[in-house]
Amino acid sequence: MKLEIELPEALGVMVLPGVLLFPGSLVPLYIFEPRYRRMLADALAAQRIFGIVPQTEKEDGDHGMGGAGLIRACVGNEDGTSHLVLLGISRFHIVDWVCDREYPAVKPRMLENHLSAPGEVGALQKEITRLCRSLARKGREMPPHFENAVAMTPGPAEFSDLIASTLVGDPSVRERLFYELDASRRLSLLADYLSSENLL
């Protein structure tokens, strides 16, 4: 799913170790910390966008990457907490951290996908679809309407993110797929991963 949305100059973020918000994925969240309740209120009053970052800084000193999401649904509770569903819309690079907020916030730069081997993506997508069907026949539980969603994805970047976010359970593989901006490479990694899963 490709949404033409610009990110705010200062983007509120939740720091959630191990959580990677892939574009096109839906992530349910429970907001209870006071700082994130303030962040949510600000997001709802503006563009309904905030981000998720897995850590505050990478070990090499780089500010790192995160996933920006659009609030698709939000239910406030009487105690001030909220349940919401966040739709991933983009990867972003953290240009810098913003220090004048009551909650974590960053200056984001939206990251675009690219294709290093456009001539190979069609065959890779067919192979990945075949491997997914093979896993389903072997009893692997698939999300509802998964095959229809796969068939309707508009391009290789969206296709790879859908498969990665729904079928890859290995944390190290998910991380490699999230940080990889080359959609051709993501498809290749997915094909290798799903091939190994079919051998189990």
N, C-alpha and C. Protein backbone atom coordinates (compact mmCIF):
# COMPACT_ATOMS: atom_id res chain seq x y z
N MET A 1 0.84 -1.19 0.00
CA MET A 1 0.00 0.00 0.00
C MET A 1 0.87 1.24 0.00
N LYS A 2 0.70 2.11 -0.99
CA LYS A 2 1.53 3.30 -1.10
C LYS A 2 0.67 4.51 -0.80
N LEU A 3 1.03 5.24 0.24
CA LEU A 3 0.30 6.44 0.60
C LEU A 3 1.19 7.65 0.39
N GLU A 4 0.66 8.66 -0.29
CA GLU A 4 1.42 9.88 -0.54
C GLU A 4 1.24 10.81 0.66
N ILE A 5 2.04 10.61 1.68
CA ILE A 5 1.95 11.39 2.91
C ILE A 5 3.33 11.90 3.26
N GLU A 6 3.42 13.19 3.60
CA GLU A 6 4.68 13.77 4.05
C GLU A 6 4.81 13.61 5.56
N LEU A 7 6.00 13.31 6.00
CA LEU A 7 6.22 13.17 7.43
C LEU A 7 6.37 14.54 8.08
N PRO A 8 5.93 14.68 9.33
CA PRO A 8 6.12 15.95 10.04
C PRO A 8 7.60 16.28 10.19
N GLU A 9 7.93 17.56 10.30
CA GLU A 9 9.32 17.96 10.50
C GLU A 9 9.87 17.39 11.80
N ALA A 10 9.04 17.35 12.83
CA ALA A 10 9.40 16.71 14.09
C ALA A 10 8.39 15.58 14.32
N LEU A 11 8.89 14.37 14.32
CA LEU A 11 8.03 13.19 14.39
C LEU A 11 8.15 12.53 15.76
N GLY A 12 7.02 12.44 16.48
CA GLY A 12 7.01 11.71 17.73
C GLY A 12 7.27 10.23 17.47
N VAL A 13 8.03 9.60 18.35
CA VAL A 13 8.34 8.18 18.16
C VAL A 13 8.20 7.42 19.47
N MET A 14 7.82 6.16 19.35
CA MET A 14 7.88 5.22 20.45
C MET A 14 9.14 4.40 20.28
N VAL A 15 9.92 4.27 21.35
CA VAL A 15 11.12 3.43 21.32
C VAL A 15 10.72 2.05 21.83
N LEU A 16 10.65 1.10 20.89
CA LEU A 16 10.18 -0.24 21.22
C LEU A 16 11.20 -1.26 20.71
N PRO A 17 12.11 -1.71 21.57
CA PRO A 17 13.13 -2.66 21.13
C PRO A 17 12.51 -3.90 20.49
N GLY A 18 13.04 -4.25 19.33
CA GLY A 18 12.58 -5.46 18.64
C GLY A 18 11.37 -5.28 17.76
N VAL A 19 10.73 -4.10 17.80
CA VAL A 19 9.53 -3.87 16.99
C VAL A 19 9.92 -3.11 15.72
N LEU A 20 9.59 -3.69 14.56
CA LEU A 20 9.90 -3.10 13.26
C LEU A 20 8.59 -2.86 12.53
N LEU A 21 8.31 -1.61 12.24
CA LEU A 21 7.06 -1.24 11.56
C LEU A 21 7.30 -1.20 10.05
N PHE A 22 6.97 -2.30 9.37
CA PHE A 22 7.12 -2.36 7.93
C PHE A 22 6.02 -1.55 7.24
N PRO A 23 6.34 -0.88 6.14
CA PRO A 23 5.29 -0.22 5.36
C PRO A 23 4.21 -1.23 4.95
N GLY A 24 2.95 -0.83 5.12
CA GLY A 24 1.84 -1.70 4.75
C GLY A 24 1.37 -2.62 5.85
N SER A 25 2.14 -2.74 6.94
CA SER A 25 1.74 -3.64 8.03
C SER A 25 0.87 -2.91 9.03
N LEU A 26 0.05 -3.66 9.73
CA LEU A 26 -0.82 -3.13 10.78
C LEU A 26 -0.33 -3.62 12.13
N VAL A 27 -0.08 -2.68 13.04
CA VAL A 27 0.44 -3.04 14.36
C VAL A 27 -0.50 -2.50 15.44
N PRO A 28 -1.06 -3.39 16.28
CA PRO A 28 -1.89 -2.92 17.39
C PRO A 28 -1.00 -2.45 18.55
N LEU A 29 -1.38 -1.36 19.17
CA LEU A 29 -0.60 -0.81 20.27
C LEU A 29 -1.50 -0.41 21.43
N TYR A 30 -0.96 -0.54 22.62
CA TYR A 30 -1.64 -0.09 23.83
C TYR A 30 -0.81 1.05 24.41
N ILE A 31 -1.36 2.25 24.46
CA ILE A 31 -0.64 3.43 24.91
C ILE A 31 -1.02 3.72 26.36
N PHE A 32 -0.05 3.63 27.26
CA PHE A 32 -0.35 3.84 28.67
C PHE A 32 0.65 4.77 29.37
N GLU A 33 1.90 4.84 28.89
CA GLU A 33 2.87 5.73 29.52
C GLU A 33 2.47 7.18 29.30
N PRO A 34 2.61 8.03 30.32
CA PRO A 34 2.23 9.45 30.17
C PRO A 34 2.89 10.14 28.98
N ARG A 35 4.17 9.87 28.74
CA ARG A 35 4.86 10.54 27.63
C ARG A 35 4.26 10.14 26.28
N TYR A 36 3.90 8.88 26.14
CA TYR A 36 3.33 8.44 24.87
C TYR A 36 1.86 8.84 24.74
N ARG A 37 1.19 9.03 25.88
CA ARG A 37 -0.17 9.56 25.83
C ARG A 37 -0.15 10.99 25.30
N ARG A 38 0.85 11.78 25.71
CA ARG A 38 0.99 13.14 25.19
C ARG A 38 1.35 13.12 23.70
N MET A 39 2.22 12.19 23.32
CA MET A 39 2.60 12.06 21.91
C MET A 39 1.39 11.70 21.06
N LEU A 40 0.58 10.78 21.55
CA LEU A 40 -0.61 10.37 20.81
C LEU A 40 -1.58 11.53 20.64
N ALA A 41 -1.78 12.30 21.71
CA ALA A 41 -2.69 13.45 21.63
C ALA A 41 -2.22 14.44 20.57
N ASP A 42 -0.91 14.70 20.52
CA ASP A 42 -0.38 15.62 19.52
C ASP A 42 -0.55 15.06 18.11
N ALA A 43 -0.32 13.76 17.96
CA ALA A 43 -0.45 13.14 16.64
C ALA A 43 -1.90 13.19 16.16
N LEU A 44 -2.84 12.91 17.05
CA LEU A 44 -4.26 12.93 16.66
C LEU A 44 -4.72 14.34 16.31
N ALA A 45 -4.09 15.35 16.89
CA ALA A 45 -4.47 16.74 16.62
C ALA A 45 -3.85 17.26 15.33
N ALA A 46 -2.92 16.49 14.75
CA ALA A 46 -2.23 16.94 13.54
C ALA A 46 -2.45 15.95 12.40
N GLN A 47 -1.38 15.28 11.98
CA GLN A 47 -1.46 14.40 10.80
C GLN A 47 -1.77 12.95 11.13
N ARG A 48 -1.95 12.62 12.41
CA ARG A 48 -2.23 11.25 12.84
C ARG A 48 -1.06 10.31 12.53
N ILE A 49 0.16 10.85 12.58
CA ILE A 49 1.35 10.07 12.26
C ILE A 49 2.33 10.09 13.42
N PHE A 50 2.89 8.93 13.76
CA PHE A 50 4.05 8.86 14.63
C PHE A 50 4.89 7.67 14.21
N GLY A 51 6.05 7.53 14.81
CA GLY A 51 6.97 6.49 14.38
C GLY A 51 7.28 5.50 15.47
N ILE A 52 7.88 4.39 15.05
CA ILE A 52 8.41 3.39 15.97
C ILE A 52 9.87 3.19 15.62
N VAL A 53 10.73 3.30 16.62
CA VAL A 53 12.16 3.02 16.42
C VAL A 53 12.56 1.92 17.41
N PRO A 54 13.41 0.99 16.95
CA PRO A 54 13.78 -0.13 17.83
C PRO A 54 14.82 0.22 18.88
N GLN A 55 15.52 1.35 18.70
CA GLN A 55 16.53 1.75 19.67
C GLN A 55 16.82 3.24 19.49
N THR A 56 17.44 3.85 20.51
CA THR A 56 17.68 5.29 20.45
C THR A 56 18.86 5.64 19.55
N GLU A 57 19.87 4.80 19.50
CA GLU A 57 20.99 5.01 18.59
C GLU A 57 21.63 3.68 18.28
N LYS A 58 22.21 3.57 17.09
CA LYS A 58 22.94 2.36 16.74
C LYS A 58 24.32 2.40 17.41
N GLU A 59 24.93 1.23 17.53
CA GLU A 59 26.22 1.14 18.22
C GLU A 59 27.32 1.92 17.50
N ASP A 60 27.20 2.05 16.17
CA ASP A 60 28.24 2.75 15.42
C ASP A 60 28.08 4.27 15.48
N GLY A 61 27.11 4.76 16.25
CA GLY A 61 26.90 6.18 16.39
C GLY A 61 25.89 6.75 15.41
N ASP A 62 25.50 5.96 14.41
CA ASP A 62 24.49 6.42 13.46
C ASP A 62 23.16 6.53 14.20
N HIS A 63 22.37 7.53 13.82
CA HIS A 63 21.09 7.72 14.50
C HIS A 63 20.07 6.65 14.13
N GLY A 64 20.29 5.92 13.04
CA GLY A 64 19.46 4.77 12.75
C GLY A 64 18.22 5.05 11.93
N MET A 65 17.34 4.06 11.92
CA MET A 65 16.13 4.09 11.11
C MET A 65 14.93 3.73 11.95
N GLY A 66 13.76 4.04 11.42
CA GLY A 66 12.51 3.65 12.06
C GLY A 66 11.43 3.52 11.03
N GLY A 67 10.24 3.20 11.50
CA GLY A 67 9.07 3.09 10.63
C GLY A 67 8.02 4.09 11.06
N ALA A 68 7.51 4.86 10.09
CA ALA A 68 6.44 5.82 10.38
C ALA A 68 5.10 5.16 10.13
N GLY A 69 4.10 5.51 10.95
CA GLY A 69 2.79 4.90 10.82
C GLY A 69 1.66 5.90 10.93
N LEU A 70 0.57 5.58 10.28
CA LEU A 70 -0.65 6.39 10.31
C LEU A 70 -1.65 5.73 11.24
N ILE A 71 -2.21 6.49 12.15
CA ILE A 71 -3.21 5.95 13.08
C ILE A 71 -4.49 5.68 12.31
N ARG A 72 -4.84 4.40 12.17
CA ARG A 72 -6.04 4.02 11.43
C ARG A 72 -7.27 3.96 12.32
N ALA A 73 -7.07 3.58 13.57
CA ALA A 73 -8.18 3.51 14.52
C ALA A 73 -7.62 3.74 15.91
N CYS A 74 -8.38 4.42 16.75
CA CYS A 74 -7.92 4.71 18.11
C CYS A 74 -9.13 4.77 19.03
N VAL A 75 -9.05 4.03 20.13
CA VAL A 75 -10.12 4.01 21.13
C VAL A 75 -9.52 4.43 22.47
N GLY A 76 -10.00 5.55 23.00
CA GLY A 76 -9.53 6.02 24.29
C GLY A 76 -10.30 5.37 25.43
N ASN A 77 -9.60 5.07 26.48
CA ASN A 77 -10.21 4.45 27.66
C ASN A 77 -10.40 5.49 28.76
N GLU A 78 -11.27 5.19 29.71
CA GLU A 78 -11.60 6.15 30.78
C GLU A 78 -10.38 6.51 31.63
N ASP A 79 -9.41 5.60 31.70
CA ASP A 79 -8.23 5.87 32.54
C ASP A 79 -7.14 6.65 31.79
N GLY A 80 -7.45 7.09 30.58
CA GLY A 80 -6.48 7.88 29.82
C GLY A 80 -5.60 7.07 28.90
N THR A 81 -5.66 5.75 29.00
CA THR A 81 -4.91 4.90 28.08
C THR A 81 -5.68 4.77 26.76
N SER A 82 -5.03 4.22 25.75
CA SER A 82 -5.68 4.07 24.45
C SER A 82 -5.23 2.78 23.77
N HIS A 83 -6.14 2.22 23.01
CA HIS A 83 -5.82 1.12 22.10
C HIS A 83 -5.90 1.67 20.68
N LEU A 84 -4.89 1.36 19.88
CA LEU A 84 -4.92 1.87 18.52
C LEU A 84 -4.31 0.86 17.55
N VAL A 85 -4.57 1.12 16.26
CA VAL A 85 -3.97 0.33 15.19
C VAL A 85 -3.17 1.29 14.32
N LEU A 86 -1.89 0.97 14.12
CA LEU A 86 -0.98 1.81 13.35
C LEU A 86 -0.67 1.13 12.02
N LEU A 87 -0.86 1.87 10.93
CA LEU A 87 -0.55 1.37 9.59
C LEU A 87 0.81 1.91 9.16
N GLY A 88 1.76 1.02 8.91
CA GLY A 88 3.07 1.45 8.45
C GLY A 88 2.99 2.12 7.09
N ILE A 89 3.64 3.29 6.95
CA ILE A 89 3.58 4.03 5.69
C ILE A 89 4.96 4.27 5.08
N SER A 90 6.03 4.24 5.88
CA SER A 90 7.35 4.54 5.31
C SER A 90 8.45 4.20 6.29
N ARG A 91 9.60 3.80 5.75
CA ARG A 91 10.82 3.80 6.53
C ARG A 91 11.34 5.23 6.58
N PHE A 92 12.06 5.55 7.64
CA PHE A 92 12.69 6.87 7.68
C PHE A 92 14.05 6.78 8.34
N HIS A 93 14.93 7.69 7.92
CA HIS A 93 16.24 7.84 8.56
C HIS A 93 16.12 8.91 9.64
N ILE A 94 16.73 8.66 10.77
CA ILE A 94 16.71 9.64 11.87
C ILE A 94 17.84 10.63 11.62
N VAL A 95 17.49 11.82 11.18
CA VAL A 95 18.49 12.87 10.95
C VAL A 95 19.05 13.36 12.27
N ASP A 96 18.17 13.52 13.25
CA ASP A 96 18.59 13.97 14.57
C ASP A 96 17.45 13.74 15.56
N TRP A 97 17.78 13.80 16.82
CA TRP A 97 16.77 13.70 17.86
C TRP A 97 16.34 15.09 18.29
N VAL A 98 15.06 15.26 18.53
CA VAL A 98 14.50 16.54 18.97
C VAL A 98 14.42 16.52 20.49
N CYS A 99 14.94 17.55 21.11
CA CYS A 99 15.07 17.54 22.58
C CYS A 99 14.07 18.43 23.31
N ASP A 100 13.19 19.12 22.58
CA ASP A 100 12.29 20.07 23.25
C ASP A 100 10.87 19.54 23.41
N ARG A 101 10.71 18.22 23.37
CA ARG A 101 9.38 17.62 23.52
C ARG A 101 9.31 16.86 24.85
N GLU A 102 8.08 16.59 25.27
CA GLU A 102 7.87 15.82 26.49
C GLU A 102 7.95 14.32 26.22
N TYR A 103 8.19 13.97 24.97
CA TYR A 103 8.26 12.56 24.56
C TYR A 103 9.35 12.44 23.49
N PRO A 104 9.83 11.24 23.22
CA PRO A 104 10.86 11.08 22.18
C PRO A 104 10.35 11.58 20.83
N ALA A 105 11.20 12.32 20.12
CA ALA A 105 10.84 12.83 18.79
C ALA A 105 12.11 12.96 17.97
N VAL A 106 11.95 12.87 16.65
CA VAL A 106 13.10 12.93 15.76
C VAL A 106 12.81 13.84 14.57
N LYS A 107 13.88 14.24 13.92
CA LYS A 107 13.76 14.87 12.60
C LYS A 107 13.93 13.74 11.59
N PRO A 108 12.85 13.38 10.85
CA PRO A 108 12.93 12.22 9.96
C PRO A 108 13.23 12.61 8.52
N ARG A 109 13.86 11.72 7.80
CA ARG A 109 13.99 11.84 6.35
C ARG A 109 13.44 10.56 5.74
N MET A 110 12.36 10.68 4.98
CA MET A 110 11.71 9.52 4.40
C MET A 110 12.67 8.79 3.46
N LEU A 111 12.69 7.47 3.54
CA LEU A 111 13.58 6.65 2.73
C LEU A 111 12.79 5.96 1.62
N GLU A 112 13.34 5.98 0.43
CA GLU A 112 12.69 5.37 -0.74
C GLU A 112 13.35 4.03 -1.06
N ASN A 113 12.56 3.12 -1.63
CA ASN A 113 13.08 1.84 -2.11
C ASN A 113 13.73 2.04 -3.48
N HIS A 114 14.61 1.11 -3.84
CA HIS A 114 15.14 1.08 -5.19
C HIS A 114 15.28 -0.37 -5.63
N LEU A 115 15.49 -0.57 -6.93
CA LEU A 115 15.63 -1.91 -7.50
C LEU A 115 16.98 -2.01 -8.20
N SER A 116 17.86 -2.86 -7.68
CA SER A 116 19.16 -3.04 -8.32
C SER A 116 19.07 -4.04 -9.48
N ALA A 117 18.07 -4.90 -9.46
CA ALA A 117 17.92 -5.92 -10.51
C ALA A 117 16.45 -6.02 -10.93
N PRO A 118 15.93 -4.98 -11.61
CA PRO A 118 14.51 -4.98 -11.96
C PRO A 118 14.08 -6.14 -12.85
N GLY A 119 15.02 -6.68 -13.63
CA GLY A 119 14.67 -7.78 -14.51
C GLY A 119 14.42 -9.10 -13.80
N GLU A 120 14.82 -9.18 -12.53
CA GLU A 120 14.69 -10.43 -11.77
C GLU A 120 13.47 -10.46 -10.85
N VAL A 121 12.82 -9.31 -10.64
CA VAL A 121 11.80 -9.25 -9.59
C VAL A 121 10.57 -10.09 -9.92
N GLY A 122 10.19 -10.16 -11.20
CA GLY A 122 9.01 -10.94 -11.57
C GLY A 122 9.17 -12.40 -11.22
N ALA A 123 10.33 -12.96 -11.57
CA ALA A 123 10.58 -14.38 -11.28
C ALA A 123 10.67 -14.62 -9.78
N LEU A 124 11.29 -13.68 -9.06
CA LEU A 124 11.40 -13.83 -7.61
C LEU A 124 10.03 -13.78 -6.94
N GLN A 125 9.16 -12.87 -7.39
CA GLN A 125 7.82 -12.80 -6.79
C GLN A 125 7.04 -14.08 -7.05
N LYS A 126 7.16 -14.65 -8.26
CA LYS A 126 6.47 -15.91 -8.56
C LYS A 126 7.00 -17.03 -7.68
N GLU A 127 8.33 -17.07 -7.48
CA GLU A 127 8.91 -18.12 -6.65
C GLU A 127 8.48 -17.96 -5.20
N ILE A 128 8.45 -16.74 -4.71
CA ILE A 128 8.02 -16.50 -3.33
C ILE A 128 6.55 -16.89 -3.15
N THR A 129 5.71 -16.56 -4.12
CA THR A 129 4.30 -16.95 -4.06
C THR A 129 4.16 -18.47 -4.02
N ARG A 130 4.97 -19.16 -4.84
CA ARG A 130 4.94 -20.62 -4.85
C ARG A 130 5.37 -21.18 -3.49
N LEU A 131 6.42 -20.60 -2.92
CA LEU A 131 6.90 -21.07 -1.62
C LEU A 131 5.87 -20.82 -0.51
N CYS A 132 5.16 -19.70 -0.59
CA CYS A 132 4.11 -19.41 0.39
C CYS A 132 2.99 -20.45 0.29
N ARG A 133 2.60 -20.78 -0.93
CA ARG A 133 1.55 -21.80 -1.12
C ARG A 133 2.00 -23.16 -0.60
N SER A 134 3.27 -23.46 -0.81
CA SER A 134 3.81 -24.72 -0.32
C SER A 134 3.77 -24.78 1.20
N LEU A 135 4.13 -23.68 1.85
CA LEU A 135 4.06 -23.63 3.32
C LEU A 135 2.62 -23.81 3.80
N ALA A 136 1.67 -23.18 3.10
CA ALA A 136 0.26 -23.30 3.48
C ALA A 136 -0.20 -24.75 3.38
N ARG A 137 0.22 -25.43 2.32
CA ARG A 137 -0.16 -26.85 2.16
C ARG A 137 0.44 -27.71 3.26
N LYS A 138 1.57 -27.29 3.78
CA LYS A 138 2.23 -28.04 4.85
C LYS A 138 1.65 -27.71 6.22
N GLY A 139 0.66 -26.83 6.26
CA GLY A 139 0.00 -26.52 7.52
C GLY A 139 0.39 -25.21 8.15
N ARG A 140 1.24 -24.43 7.49
CA ARG A 140 1.61 -23.12 8.03
C ARG A 140 0.39 -22.21 8.03
N GLU A 141 0.09 -21.64 9.18
CA GLU A 141 -1.07 -20.76 9.27
C GLU A 141 -0.78 -19.44 8.56
N MET A 142 -1.69 -19.05 7.69
CA MET A 142 -1.54 -17.81 6.94
C MET A 142 -2.59 -16.80 7.43
N PRO A 143 -2.28 -15.51 7.33
CA PRO A 143 -3.27 -14.49 7.71
C PRO A 143 -4.52 -14.61 6.84
N PRO A 144 -5.68 -14.16 7.33
CA PRO A 144 -6.90 -14.18 6.52
C PRO A 144 -6.72 -13.41 5.22
N HIS A 145 -7.22 -13.99 4.14
CA HIS A 145 -7.18 -13.35 2.81
C HIS A 145 -5.76 -13.02 2.37
N PHE A 146 -4.79 -13.80 2.86
CA PHE A 146 -3.39 -13.50 2.56
C PHE A 146 -3.08 -13.57 1.07
N GLU A 147 -3.56 -14.62 0.40
CA GLU A 147 -3.24 -14.77 -1.03
C GLU A 147 -3.83 -13.63 -1.85
N ASN A 148 -5.04 -13.18 -1.49
CA ASN A 148 -5.62 -12.04 -2.20
C ASN A 148 -4.80 -10.77 -1.98
N ALA A 149 -4.33 -10.59 -0.75
CA ALA A 149 -3.52 -9.41 -0.45
C ALA A 149 -2.21 -9.44 -1.24
N VAL A 150 -1.60 -10.63 -1.34
CA VAL A 150 -0.36 -10.77 -2.10
C VAL A 150 -0.60 -10.43 -3.57
N ALA A 151 -1.71 -10.93 -4.11
CA ALA A 151 -2.01 -10.70 -5.53
C ALA A 151 -2.28 -9.23 -5.82
N MET A 152 -2.75 -8.48 -4.82
CA MET A 152 -3.15 -7.09 -5.05
C MET A 152 -2.03 -6.08 -4.75
N THR A 153 -0.88 -6.55 -4.26
CA THR A 153 0.19 -5.59 -3.96
C THR A 153 0.69 -4.96 -5.25
N PRO A 154 0.89 -3.63 -5.26
CA PRO A 154 1.17 -2.93 -6.51
C PRO A 154 2.58 -3.07 -7.07
N GLY A 155 3.56 -3.47 -6.27
CA GLY A 155 4.92 -3.53 -6.79
C GLY A 155 5.82 -4.38 -5.92
N PRO A 156 7.07 -4.59 -6.36
CA PRO A 156 7.98 -5.47 -5.63
C PRO A 156 8.32 -4.98 -4.22
N ALA A 157 8.40 -3.65 -4.03
CA ALA A 157 8.71 -3.13 -2.70
C ALA A 157 7.58 -3.46 -1.72
N GLU A 158 6.34 -3.19 -2.14
CA GLU A 158 5.18 -3.48 -1.30
C GLU A 158 5.02 -4.99 -1.08
N PHE A 159 5.25 -5.75 -2.14
CA PHE A 159 5.15 -7.21 -2.06
C PHE A 159 6.13 -7.76 -1.03
N SER A 160 7.39 -7.31 -1.10
CA SER A 160 8.41 -7.83 -0.18
C SER A 160 8.10 -7.43 1.26
N ASP A 161 7.60 -6.22 1.47
CA ASP A 161 7.28 -5.78 2.83
C ASP A 161 6.10 -6.57 3.40
N LEU A 162 5.11 -6.88 2.55
CA LEU A 162 3.97 -7.67 3.01
C LEU A 162 4.41 -9.06 3.47
N ILE A 163 5.21 -9.72 2.65
CA ILE A 163 5.68 -11.06 3.00
C ILE A 163 6.56 -11.01 4.24
N ALA A 164 7.48 -10.04 4.28
CA ALA A 164 8.41 -9.94 5.41
C ALA A 164 7.68 -9.71 6.73
N SER A 165 6.69 -8.83 6.70
CA SER A 165 6.02 -8.47 7.95
C SER A 165 5.07 -9.55 8.45
N THR A 166 4.58 -10.41 7.55
CA THR A 166 3.58 -11.40 7.95
C THR A 166 4.13 -12.82 8.12
N LEU A 167 5.19 -13.18 7.39
CA LEU A 167 5.62 -14.57 7.40
C LEU A 167 7.01 -14.81 8.00
N VAL A 168 7.78 -13.76 8.21
CA VAL A 168 9.14 -13.95 8.72
C VAL A 168 9.14 -13.79 10.24
N GLY A 169 9.44 -14.88 10.93
CA GLY A 169 9.44 -14.85 12.38
C GLY A 169 10.82 -14.67 12.99
N ASP A 170 11.85 -15.02 12.25
CA ASP A 170 13.22 -14.93 12.75
C ASP A 170 13.60 -13.46 12.93
N PRO A 171 13.90 -13.01 14.17
CA PRO A 171 14.19 -11.59 14.41
C PRO A 171 15.35 -11.05 13.60
N SER A 172 16.41 -11.84 13.43
CA SER A 172 17.57 -11.36 12.69
C SER A 172 17.25 -11.19 11.21
N VAL A 173 16.43 -12.09 10.66
CA VAL A 173 16.05 -11.97 9.25
C VAL A 173 15.11 -10.78 9.07
N ARG A 174 14.16 -10.61 9.99
CA ARG A 174 13.25 -9.46 9.91
C ARG A 174 14.05 -8.15 9.92
N GLU A 175 15.06 -8.10 10.77
CA GLU A 175 15.87 -6.88 10.87
C GLU A 175 16.60 -6.61 9.55
N ARG A 176 17.19 -7.65 8.96
CA ARG A 176 17.88 -7.48 7.67
C ARG A 176 16.91 -6.98 6.61
N LEU A 177 15.71 -7.52 6.60
CA LEU A 177 14.72 -7.13 5.60
C LEU A 177 14.24 -5.70 5.82
N PHE A 178 14.10 -5.30 7.07
CA PHE A 178 13.63 -3.94 7.36
C PHE A 178 14.66 -2.90 6.93
N TYR A 179 15.92 -3.15 7.22
CA TYR A 179 16.96 -2.16 6.93
C TYR A 179 17.42 -2.18 5.48
N GLU A 180 16.99 -3.17 4.71
CA GLU A 180 17.39 -3.28 3.30
C GLU A 180 16.47 -2.43 2.43
N LEU A 181 17.03 -1.39 1.79
CA LEU A 181 16.23 -0.51 0.94
C LEU A 181 16.16 -0.97 -0.50
N ASP A 182 16.96 -1.94 -0.86
CA ASP A 182 16.94 -2.50 -2.21
C ASP A 182 15.87 -3.60 -2.25
N ALA A 183 14.75 -3.32 -2.92
CA ALA A 183 13.65 -4.29 -2.94
C ALA A 183 14.05 -5.57 -3.67
N SER A 184 14.95 -5.48 -4.65
CA SER A 184 15.44 -6.68 -5.33
C SER A 184 16.15 -7.59 -4.32
N ARG A 185 16.97 -6.99 -3.49
CA ARG A 185 17.70 -7.76 -2.48
C ARG A 185 16.74 -8.33 -1.44
N ARG A 186 15.73 -7.56 -1.06
CA ARG A 186 14.74 -8.07 -0.10
C ARG A 186 14.05 -9.32 -0.65
N LEU A 187 13.68 -9.27 -1.93
CA LEU A 187 13.01 -10.42 -2.54
C LEU A 187 13.93 -11.65 -2.54
N SER A 188 15.20 -11.43 -2.84
CA SER A 188 16.15 -12.53 -2.84
C SER A 188 16.31 -13.14 -1.45
N LEU A 189 16.40 -12.27 -0.44
CA LEU A 189 16.50 -12.74 0.95
C LEU A 189 15.25 -13.52 1.35
N LEU A 190 14.09 -13.03 0.92
CA LEU A 190 12.84 -13.72 1.25
C LEU A 190 12.77 -15.09 0.59
N ALA A 191 13.19 -15.17 -0.66
CA ALA A 191 13.16 -16.46 -1.36
C ALA A 191 14.06 -17.47 -0.65
N ASP A 192 15.24 -17.04 -0.21
CA ASP A 192 16.14 -17.93 0.52
C ASP A 192 15.53 -18.36 1.85
N TYR A 193 14.95 -17.40 2.57
CA TYR A 193 14.35 -17.70 3.87
C TYR A 193 13.19 -18.69 3.73
N LEU A 194 12.30 -18.43 2.79
CA LEU A 194 11.12 -19.29 2.62
C LEU A 194 11.51 -20.67 2.09
N SER A 195 12.57 -20.73 1.30
CA SER A 195 13.06 -22.04 0.86
C SER A 195 13.52 -22.87 2.04
N SER A 196 14.26 -22.23 2.96
CA SER A 196 14.72 -22.94 4.16
C SER A 196 13.54 -23.34 5.05
N GLU A 197 12.51 -22.49 5.13
CA GLU A 197 11.34 -22.82 5.93
C GLU A 197 10.61 -24.04 5.35
N ASN A 198 10.61 -24.16 4.03
CA ASN A 198 9.94 -25.29 3.39
C ASN A 198 10.68 -26.61 3.64
N LEU A 199 11.94 -26.54 4.02
CA LEU A 199 12.73 -27.74 4.27
C LEU A 199 12.54 -28.26 5.69
N LEU A 200 11.95 -27.47 6.55
CA LEU A 200 11.77 -27.88 7.95
C LEU A 200 10.71 -28.96 8.09
